[in-house]
């Protein structure tokens, strides 16, 4: 009952061809003298005042956006903690007042 039943391999039907035989091929390499390679030419980057201002503006925008996201996450955590604390105080007050009435 608890033994797995292993399926049997189905027998092929119709024409069965033998497996194809792969013949290895020989690759001949021809050694050619290497040509001297010139070092790549370095390109110089020209930073114009407009480009510098654009980079500074983009960096400032990124810092402001990341700061806003982090501050909003901190604020959400603080609000959640405060509301949990208020709920705990209310539940504690209700439990102590119901114990005094008995």
N, C-alpha and C. Protein backbone atom coordinates (compact mmCIF):
# COMPACT_ATOMS: atom_id res chain seq x y z
N UNK A 1 0.82 -1.19 0.00
CA UNK A 1 0.00 0.00 0.00
C UNK A 1 0.87 1.26 0.00
N UNK A 2 1.94 1.26 0.79
CA UNK A 2 2.77 2.44 0.90
C UNK A 2 3.96 2.41 -0.04
N UNK A 3 4.05 1.40 -0.88
CA UNK A 3 5.16 1.32 -1.81
C UNK A 3 4.80 2.07 -3.08
N UNK A 4 5.73 2.90 -3.58
CA UNK A 4 5.41 3.63 -4.81
C UNK A 4 5.39 2.70 -6.00
N UNK A 5 4.52 3.01 -6.92
CA UNK A 5 4.44 2.22 -8.14
C UNK A 5 5.27 2.93 -9.21
N UNK A 6 6.31 2.26 -9.66
CA UNK A 6 7.19 2.85 -10.65
C UNK A 6 6.62 2.52 -12.02
N UNK A 7 6.38 3.53 -12.85
CA UNK A 7 5.81 3.23 -14.16
C UNK A 7 6.83 2.51 -15.04
N UNK A 8 6.30 1.64 -15.89
CA UNK A 8 7.18 0.91 -16.79
C UNK A 8 7.41 1.74 -18.04
N UNK A 9 8.58 1.54 -18.63
CA UNK A 9 8.93 2.28 -19.84
C UNK A 9 8.09 1.75 -20.99
N UNK A 10 7.37 2.62 -21.70
CA UNK A 10 6.56 2.12 -22.81
C UNK A 10 7.45 1.61 -23.94
N UNK A 11 7.00 0.58 -24.60
CA UNK A 11 7.77 0.04 -25.71
C UNK A 11 7.50 0.88 -26.95
N UNK A 12 8.53 1.13 -27.76
CA UNK A 12 8.31 1.94 -28.95
C UNK A 12 7.45 1.22 -29.97
N UNK A 13 6.67 2.00 -30.69
CA UNK A 13 5.81 1.43 -31.74
C UNK A 13 6.27 1.95 -33.08
N UNK A 14 6.03 1.21 -34.13
CA UNK A 14 6.40 1.65 -35.47
C UNK A 14 7.86 1.36 -35.76
N UNK A 15 8.43 2.09 -36.70
CA UNK A 15 9.82 1.89 -37.09
C UNK A 15 10.75 2.49 -36.05
N UNK A 16 11.76 1.74 -35.70
CA UNK A 16 12.75 2.21 -34.74
C UNK A 16 14.09 2.23 -35.46
N UNK A 17 14.72 3.39 -35.50
CA UNK A 17 16.01 3.49 -36.18
C UNK A 17 17.11 3.42 -35.13
N UNK A 18 18.25 2.84 -35.48
CA UNK A 18 19.35 2.78 -34.52
C UNK A 18 19.89 4.18 -34.27
N UNK A 19 20.53 4.37 -33.15
CA UNK A 19 21.06 5.71 -32.85
C UNK A 19 22.13 6.10 -33.86
N UNK A 20 22.19 7.37 -34.18
CA UNK A 20 23.14 7.87 -35.15
C UNK A 20 24.54 7.84 -34.56
N UNK A 21 25.51 7.50 -35.38
CA UNK A 21 26.90 7.46 -34.95
C UNK A 21 27.56 8.76 -35.40
N UNK A 22 28.18 9.43 -34.49
CA UNK A 22 28.83 10.70 -34.79
C UNK A 22 30.31 10.42 -35.01
N UNK A 23 30.80 10.82 -36.16
CA UNK A 23 32.21 10.64 -36.49
C UNK A 23 32.98 11.90 -36.09
N UNK A 24 34.05 11.73 -35.34
CA UNK A 24 34.83 12.92 -34.97
C UNK A 24 35.57 13.47 -36.18
N UNK A 25 35.67 14.78 -36.23
CA UNK A 25 36.38 15.43 -37.33
C UNK A 25 37.67 16.02 -36.80
N UNK A 26 38.62 16.15 -37.66
CA UNK A 26 39.91 16.72 -37.28
C UNK A 26 39.94 18.17 -37.75
N UNK A 27 40.27 19.05 -36.83
CA UNK A 27 40.35 20.47 -37.15
C UNK A 27 41.83 20.82 -37.27
N UNK A 28 42.19 21.32 -38.41
CA UNK A 28 43.57 21.71 -38.61
C UNK A 28 43.70 23.21 -38.42
N UNK A 29 44.68 23.57 -37.64
CA UNK A 29 44.90 24.99 -37.39
C UNK A 29 46.15 25.44 -38.12
N UNK A 30 46.09 26.62 -38.62
CA UNK A 30 47.22 27.21 -39.32
C UNK A 30 47.75 28.33 -38.45
N UNK A 31 49.00 28.25 -38.10
CA UNK A 31 49.60 29.27 -37.25
C UNK A 31 50.01 30.45 -38.11
N UNK A 32 49.48 31.60 -37.79
CA UNK A 32 49.83 32.81 -38.51
C UNK A 32 50.53 33.75 -37.53
N UNK A 33 51.49 34.48 -38.01
CA UNK A 33 52.18 35.41 -37.10
C UNK A 33 51.20 36.50 -36.66
N UNK A 34 51.30 36.85 -35.40
CA UNK A 34 50.42 37.88 -34.85
C UNK A 34 50.92 39.27 -35.25
N UNK A 35 49.99 40.07 -35.68
CA UNK A 35 50.33 41.44 -36.04
C UNK A 35 50.41 42.27 -34.77
N UNK A 36 51.30 43.21 -34.69
CA UNK A 36 51.38 44.04 -33.48
C UNK A 36 50.10 44.87 -33.34
N UNK A 37 49.62 44.91 -32.13
CA UNK A 37 48.37 45.61 -31.85
C UNK A 37 48.70 46.95 -31.21
N UNK A 38 48.15 48.00 -31.77
CA UNK A 38 48.37 49.34 -31.23
C UNK A 38 47.48 49.53 -30.01
N UNK A 39 47.95 50.22 -29.00
CA UNK A 39 47.09 50.46 -27.83
C UNK A 39 45.90 51.33 -28.24
N UNK A 40 44.74 51.09 -27.60
CA UNK A 40 43.57 51.88 -27.97
C UNK A 40 43.78 53.36 -27.62
N UNK A 41 43.28 54.19 -28.47
CA UNK A 41 43.41 55.63 -28.25
C UNK A 41 42.44 56.05 -27.15
N UNK A 42 42.95 56.79 -26.20
CA UNK A 42 42.09 57.24 -25.11
C UNK A 42 41.34 58.50 -25.54
N UNK A 43 40.08 58.51 -25.23
CA UNK A 43 39.29 59.69 -25.55
C UNK A 43 39.23 60.57 -24.30
N UNK A 44 39.30 61.82 -24.49
CA UNK A 44 39.22 62.75 -23.36
C UNK A 44 37.78 63.21 -23.20
N UNK A 45 37.37 63.33 -21.96
CA UNK A 45 36.02 63.78 -21.65
C UNK A 45 36.06 65.27 -21.38
N UNK A 46 35.29 66.00 -22.12
CA UNK A 46 35.22 67.44 -21.95
C UNK A 46 34.02 67.78 -21.07
N UNK A 47 34.28 68.39 -19.93
CA UNK A 47 33.19 68.78 -19.04
C UNK A 47 32.99 70.28 -19.20
N UNK A 48 31.83 70.61 -19.71
CA UNK A 48 31.48 72.02 -19.89
C UNK A 48 30.75 72.50 -18.65
N UNK A 49 30.63 73.79 -18.46
CA UNK A 49 29.88 74.30 -17.30
C UNK A 49 28.43 73.82 -17.28
N UNK A 50 27.84 73.69 -18.45
CA UNK A 50 26.45 73.20 -18.49
C UNK A 50 26.35 71.75 -18.04
N UNK A 51 27.32 70.94 -18.44
CA UNK A 51 27.33 69.54 -18.03
C UNK A 51 27.56 69.43 -16.53
N UNK A 52 28.44 70.24 -16.00
CA UNK A 52 28.71 70.22 -14.56
C UNK A 52 27.46 70.59 -13.78
N UNK A 53 26.75 71.62 -14.25
CA UNK A 53 25.51 72.01 -13.57
C UNK A 53 24.45 70.91 -13.65
N UNK A 54 24.38 70.24 -14.79
CA UNK A 54 23.40 69.15 -14.94
C UNK A 54 23.72 68.00 -14.00
N UNK A 55 24.99 67.66 -13.87
CA UNK A 55 25.39 66.57 -12.96
C UNK A 55 25.10 66.96 -11.51
N UNK A 56 25.41 68.20 -11.15
CA UNK A 56 25.14 68.66 -9.79
C UNK A 56 23.64 68.67 -9.52
N UNK A 57 22.86 69.12 -10.48
CA UNK A 57 21.41 69.14 -10.31
C UNK A 57 20.83 67.74 -10.17
N UNK A 58 21.33 66.80 -10.98
CA UNK A 58 20.83 65.42 -10.89
C UNK A 58 21.21 64.79 -9.56
N UNK A 59 22.43 65.05 -9.10
CA UNK A 59 22.85 64.52 -7.80
C UNK A 59 22.01 65.08 -6.66
N UNK A 60 21.74 66.37 -6.73
CA UNK A 60 20.90 66.99 -5.70
C UNK A 60 19.50 66.40 -5.69
N UNK A 61 18.94 66.17 -6.89
CA UNK A 61 17.60 65.59 -6.97
C UNK A 61 17.58 64.18 -6.39
N UNK A 62 18.61 63.40 -6.67
CA UNK A 62 18.67 62.04 -6.13
C UNK A 62 18.75 62.07 -4.61
N UNK A 63 19.59 62.94 -4.07
CA UNK A 63 19.72 63.04 -2.61
C UNK A 63 18.40 63.46 -1.98
N UNK A 64 17.71 64.43 -2.59
CA UNK A 64 16.43 64.88 -2.04
C UNK A 64 15.38 63.78 -2.08
N UNK A 65 15.31 63.04 -3.17
CA UNK A 65 14.31 61.97 -3.29
C UNK A 65 14.59 60.86 -2.28
N UNK A 66 15.86 60.44 -2.19
CA UNK A 66 16.19 59.37 -1.23
C UNK A 66 15.95 59.84 0.20
N UNK A 67 16.29 61.07 0.50
CA UNK A 67 16.03 61.60 1.83
C UNK A 67 14.55 61.66 2.15
N UNK A 68 13.75 62.05 1.19
CA UNK A 68 12.30 62.10 1.41
C UNK A 68 11.73 60.72 1.68
N UNK A 69 12.19 59.74 0.92
CA UNK A 69 11.70 58.37 1.12
C UNK A 69 12.10 57.86 2.50
N UNK A 70 13.35 58.09 2.90
CA UNK A 70 13.79 57.60 4.21
C UNK A 70 13.05 58.29 5.35
N UNK A 71 12.84 59.61 5.24
CA UNK A 71 12.12 60.33 6.30
C UNK A 71 10.67 59.86 6.37
N UNK A 72 10.04 59.61 5.23
CA UNK A 72 8.65 59.14 5.27
C UNK A 72 8.56 57.75 5.88
N UNK A 73 9.56 56.90 5.62
CA UNK A 73 9.55 55.57 6.25
C UNK A 73 9.72 55.68 7.76
N UNK A 74 10.61 56.57 8.20
CA UNK A 74 10.79 56.78 9.64
C UNK A 74 9.53 57.33 10.28
N UNK A 75 8.88 58.26 9.59
CA UNK A 75 7.64 58.83 10.12
C UNK A 75 6.54 57.77 10.21
N UNK A 76 6.44 56.91 9.21
CA UNK A 76 5.44 55.85 9.25
C UNK A 76 5.69 54.90 10.41
N UNK A 77 6.96 54.60 10.68
CA UNK A 77 7.30 53.74 11.81
C UNK A 77 6.93 54.41 13.13
N UNK A 78 7.20 55.69 13.24
CA UNK A 78 6.89 56.41 14.49
C UNK A 78 5.39 56.48 14.72
N UNK A 79 4.63 56.75 13.67
CA UNK A 79 3.17 56.81 13.81
C UNK A 79 2.60 55.45 14.20
N UNK A 80 3.13 54.39 13.60
CA UNK A 80 2.66 53.05 13.94
C UNK A 80 2.98 52.71 15.38
N UNK A 81 4.19 53.04 15.82
CA UNK A 81 4.57 52.77 17.21
C UNK A 81 3.69 53.54 18.19
N UNK A 82 3.40 54.78 17.87
CA UNK A 82 2.55 55.59 18.76
C UNK A 82 1.14 55.02 18.83
N UNK A 83 0.60 54.59 17.69
CA UNK A 83 -0.76 54.05 17.72
C UNK A 83 -0.81 52.72 18.46
N UNK A 84 0.22 51.90 18.35
CA UNK A 84 0.25 50.64 19.10
C UNK A 84 0.35 50.93 20.59
N UNK A 85 1.13 51.94 20.96
CA UNK A 85 1.25 52.29 22.37
C UNK A 85 -0.09 52.79 22.92
N UNK A 86 -0.80 53.60 22.17
CA UNK A 86 -2.12 54.09 22.61
C UNK A 86 -3.10 52.92 22.76
N UNK A 87 -3.09 52.01 21.80
CA UNK A 87 -3.98 50.84 21.89
C UNK A 87 -3.65 50.00 23.12
N UNK A 88 -2.36 49.83 23.42
CA UNK A 88 -1.97 49.06 24.60
C UNK A 88 -2.45 49.73 25.88
N UNK A 89 -2.35 51.06 25.94
CA UNK A 89 -2.83 51.77 27.12
C UNK A 89 -4.34 51.64 27.28
N UNK A 90 -5.07 51.73 26.19
CA UNK A 90 -6.54 51.62 26.26
C UNK A 90 -6.93 50.22 26.71
N UNK A 91 -6.30 49.20 26.15
CA UNK A 91 -6.64 47.82 26.54
C UNK A 91 -6.28 47.59 28.01
N UNK A 92 -5.14 48.11 28.44
CA UNK A 92 -4.75 47.96 29.85
C UNK A 92 -5.74 48.67 30.76
N UNK A 93 -6.17 49.84 30.36
CA UNK A 93 -7.14 50.58 31.17
C UNK A 93 -8.46 49.84 31.24
N UNK A 94 -8.90 49.27 30.12
CA UNK A 94 -10.16 48.53 30.12
C UNK A 94 -10.08 47.29 30.99
N UNK A 95 -8.95 46.62 30.96
CA UNK A 95 -8.81 45.40 31.74
C UNK A 95 -8.75 45.70 33.24
N UNK A 96 -8.06 46.77 33.63
CA UNK A 96 -7.98 47.10 35.04
C UNK A 96 -9.31 47.62 35.57
N UNK A 97 -10.04 48.36 34.75
CA UNK A 97 -11.33 48.87 35.21
C UNK A 97 -12.36 47.75 35.33
N UNK A 98 -12.28 46.74 34.47
CA UNK A 98 -13.23 45.63 34.57
C UNK A 98 -12.88 44.75 35.75
N UNK A 99 -11.62 44.68 36.15
CA UNK A 99 -11.22 43.87 37.30
C UNK A 99 -11.66 44.55 38.59
N UNK A 100 -11.70 45.88 38.67
CA UNK A 100 -12.13 46.60 39.85
C UNK A 100 -13.63 46.50 40.08
N UNK A 101 -14.39 46.32 39.01
CA UNK A 101 -15.87 46.27 39.14
C UNK A 101 -16.33 44.97 39.76
N UNK A 102 -15.56 43.94 39.66
CA UNK A 102 -16.01 42.64 40.17
C UNK A 102 -15.93 42.57 41.61
